[in-house]
Amino acid sequence: MSLKGMRESMAPGEQAPDGRWRVFDYDELLKRDKVNLDIFWLRDKSLEESDDLPEPDVLAQEIADDMQTALEQFSAIAEKLKA
C-alpha cells in the first residue's frame, strides 16, 4: 500500500491533519525547503567501536549464558504460577 493509500484508508477524525504522526507523500516532502531524509542520527554509537568487541566465541558464550539465566528465571515464574 502506498503512503497515499494509507492516508486515504485512515478513518475521518482518526488523526488530526496537523498531528505528529501524519503521512506525507515523498513528492510532498521534496517540495519543502531544506529537505533532508538522512537518518544518520539513528546510528548506534556502540557499533562504531566494533574493534573493541570480544572474539565471536566469547560473545556466543555470553549470549548463551544470558539465555540460560533468562530461561531459569522464566521457569521459576512458570512454577510459581502453577501453584
C-alpha atoms as a PDB file:
ATOM      1  CA  MET A   1       0.000   0.000   0.000  1.00  0.00           C
ATOM      2  CA  SER A   2       1.382   3.407  -0.909  1.00  0.00           C
ATOM      3  CA  LEU A   3       1.620   6.248   1.559  1.00  0.00           C
ATOM      4  CA  LYS A   4      -1.204   7.960  -0.263  1.00  0.00           C
ATOM      5  CA  GLY A   5      -3.285   4.799   0.071  1.00  0.00           C
ATOM      6  CA  MET A   6      -2.507   4.696   3.779  1.00  0.00           C
ATOM      7  CA  ARG A   7      -3.671   8.282   4.163  1.00  0.00           C
ATOM      8  CA  GLU A   8      -6.867   7.616   2.250  1.00  0.00           C
ATOM      9  CA  SER A   9      -7.589   4.495   4.292  1.00  0.00           C
ATOM     10  CA  MET A  10      -7.480   6.399   7.587  1.00  0.00           C
ATOM     11  CA  ALA A  11     -10.880   6.953   9.115  1.00  0.00           C
ATOM     12  CA  PRO A  12     -12.007  10.588   9.253  1.00  0.00           C
ATOM     13  CA  GLY A  13     -11.027  12.142  12.553  1.00  0.00           C
ATOM     14  CA  GLU A  14      -8.638   9.272  13.322  1.00  0.00           C
ATOM     15  CA  GLN A  15      -5.742  11.671  13.265  1.00  0.00           C
ATOM     16  CA  ALA A  16      -5.618  15.445  13.203  1.00  0.00           C
ATOM     17  CA  PRO A  17      -4.291  16.858   9.924  1.00  0.00           C
ATOM     18  CA  ASP A  18      -1.560  18.648  11.846  1.00  0.00           C
ATOM     19  CA  GLY A  19      -0.787  15.718  14.140  1.00  0.00           C
ATOM     20  CA  ARG A  20       2.697  14.470  14.843  1.00  0.00           C
ATOM     21  CA  TRP A  21       2.336  11.156  13.013  1.00  0.00           C
ATOM     22  CA  ARG A  22       0.927  12.400   9.732  1.00  0.00           C
ATOM     23  CA  VAL A  23       1.588  10.579   6.493  1.00  0.00           C
ATOM     24  CA  PHE A  24       3.301  12.515   3.707  1.00  0.00           C
ATOM     25  CA  ASP A  25       3.875  11.584   0.100  1.00  0.00           C
ATOM     26  CA  TYR A  26       7.501  11.566  -0.987  1.00  0.00           C
ATOM     27  CA  ASP A  27       6.733  14.294  -3.530  1.00  0.00           C
ATOM     28  CA  GLU A  28       5.241  16.478  -0.780  1.00  0.00           C
ATOM     29  CA  LEU A  29       8.444  16.179   1.225  1.00  0.00           C
ATOM     30  CA  LEU A  30      10.625  17.084  -1.744  1.00  0.00           C
ATOM     31  CA  LYS A  31       8.689  20.330  -2.212  1.00  0.00           C
ATOM     32  CA  ARG A  32       9.787  21.542   1.232  1.00  0.00           C
ATOM     33  CA  ASP A  33      12.724  23.839   1.783  1.00  0.00           C
ATOM     34  CA  LYS A  34      15.846  22.135   3.153  1.00  0.00           C
ATOM     35  CA  VAL A  35      14.542  18.575   2.796  1.00  0.00           C
ATOM     36  CA  ASN A  36      16.897  16.068   4.391  1.00  0.00           C
ATOM     37  CA  LEU A  37      15.916  12.413   4.634  1.00  0.00           C
ATOM     38  CA  ASP A  38      19.288  11.375   6.050  1.00  0.00           C
ATOM     39  CA  ILE A  39      18.722   9.334   9.202  1.00  0.00           C
ATOM     40  CA  PHE A  40      22.321   9.474  10.400  1.00  0.00           C
ATOM     41  CA  TRP A  41      21.092  10.287  13.897  1.00  0.00           C
ATOM     42  CA  LEU A  42      19.817   6.701  14.202  1.00  0.00           C
ATOM     43  CA  ARG A  43      23.327   5.266  14.192  1.00  0.00           C
ATOM     44  CA  ASP A  44      24.263   3.149  17.160  1.00  0.00           C
ATOM     45  CA  LYS A  45      27.461   4.623  18.594  1.00  0.00           C
ATOM     46  CA  SER A  46      28.418   1.277  20.104  1.00  0.00           C
ATOM     47  CA  LEU A  47      28.689  -0.221  16.615  1.00  0.00           C
ATOM     48  CA  GLU A  48      31.378   2.288  15.744  1.00  0.00           C
ATOM     49  CA  GLU A  49      33.576   0.715  18.408  1.00  0.00           C
ATOM     50  CA  SER A  50      33.412  -2.771  16.901  1.00  0.00           C
ATOM     51  CA  ASP A  51      37.208  -3.110  17.050  1.00  0.00           C
ATOM     52  CA  ASP A  52      36.883  -3.386  20.830  1.00  0.00           C
ATOM     53  CA  LEU A  53      34.446  -6.321  20.717  1.00  0.00           C
ATOM     54  CA  PRO A  54      35.429  -9.684  22.198  1.00  0.00           C
ATOM     55  CA  GLU A  55      36.048 -12.659  19.950  1.00  0.00           C
ATOM     56  CA  PRO A  56      32.935 -14.325  18.466  1.00  0.00           C
ATOM     57  CA  ASP A  57      33.256 -17.425  20.671  1.00  0.00           C
ATOM     58  CA  VAL A  58      33.323 -15.224  23.776  1.00  0.00           C
ATOM     59  CA  LEU A  59      30.267 -13.278  22.595  1.00  0.00           C
ATOM     60  CA  ALA A  60      28.434 -16.516  21.799  1.00  0.00           C
ATOM     61  CA  GLN A  61      29.142 -17.879  25.272  1.00  0.00           C
ATOM     62  CA  GLU A  62      27.962 -14.654  26.913  1.00  0.00           C
ATOM     63  CA  ILE A  63      24.738 -14.809  24.899  1.00  0.00           C
ATOM     64  CA  ALA A  64      24.229 -18.473  25.806  1.00  0.00           C
ATOM     65  CA  ASP A  65      24.821 -17.702  29.498  1.00  0.00           C
ATOM     66  CA  ASP A  66      22.336 -14.816  29.406  1.00  0.00           C
ATOM     67  CA  MET A  67      19.756 -17.003  27.691  1.00  0.00           C
ATOM     68  CA  GLN A  68      20.254 -19.787  30.228  1.00  0.00           C
ATOM     69  CA  THR A  69      19.775 -17.348  33.103  1.00  0.00           C
ATOM     70  CA  ALA A  70      16.632 -15.950  31.479  1.00  0.00           C
ATOM     71  CA  LEU A  71      15.264 -19.472  30.939  1.00  0.00           C
ATOM     72  CA  GLU A  72      15.885 -20.362  34.590  1.00  0.00           C
ATOM     73  CA  GLN A  73      14.122 -17.199  35.728  1.00  0.00           C
ATOM     74  CA  PHE A  74      11.184 -17.821  33.408  1.00  0.00           C
ATOM     75  CA  SER A  75      10.931 -21.439  34.565  1.00  0.00           C
ATOM     76  CA  ALA A  76      10.802 -20.276  38.182  1.00  0.00           C
ATOM     77  CA  ILE A  77       7.980 -17.869  37.327  1.00  0.00           C
ATOM     78  CA  ALA A  78       6.085 -20.607  35.481  1.00  0.00           C
ATOM     79  CA  GLU A  79       6.411 -22.894  38.507  1.00  0.00           C
ATOM     80  CA  LYS A  80       5.070 -20.179  40.829  1.00  0.00           C
ATOM     81  CA  LEU A  81       2.108 -19.641  38.521  1.00  0.00           C
ATOM     82  CA  LYS A  82       1.255 -23.351  38.691  1.00  0.00           C
ATOM     83  CA  ALA A  83       0.954 -23.163  42.480  1.00  0.00           C
END
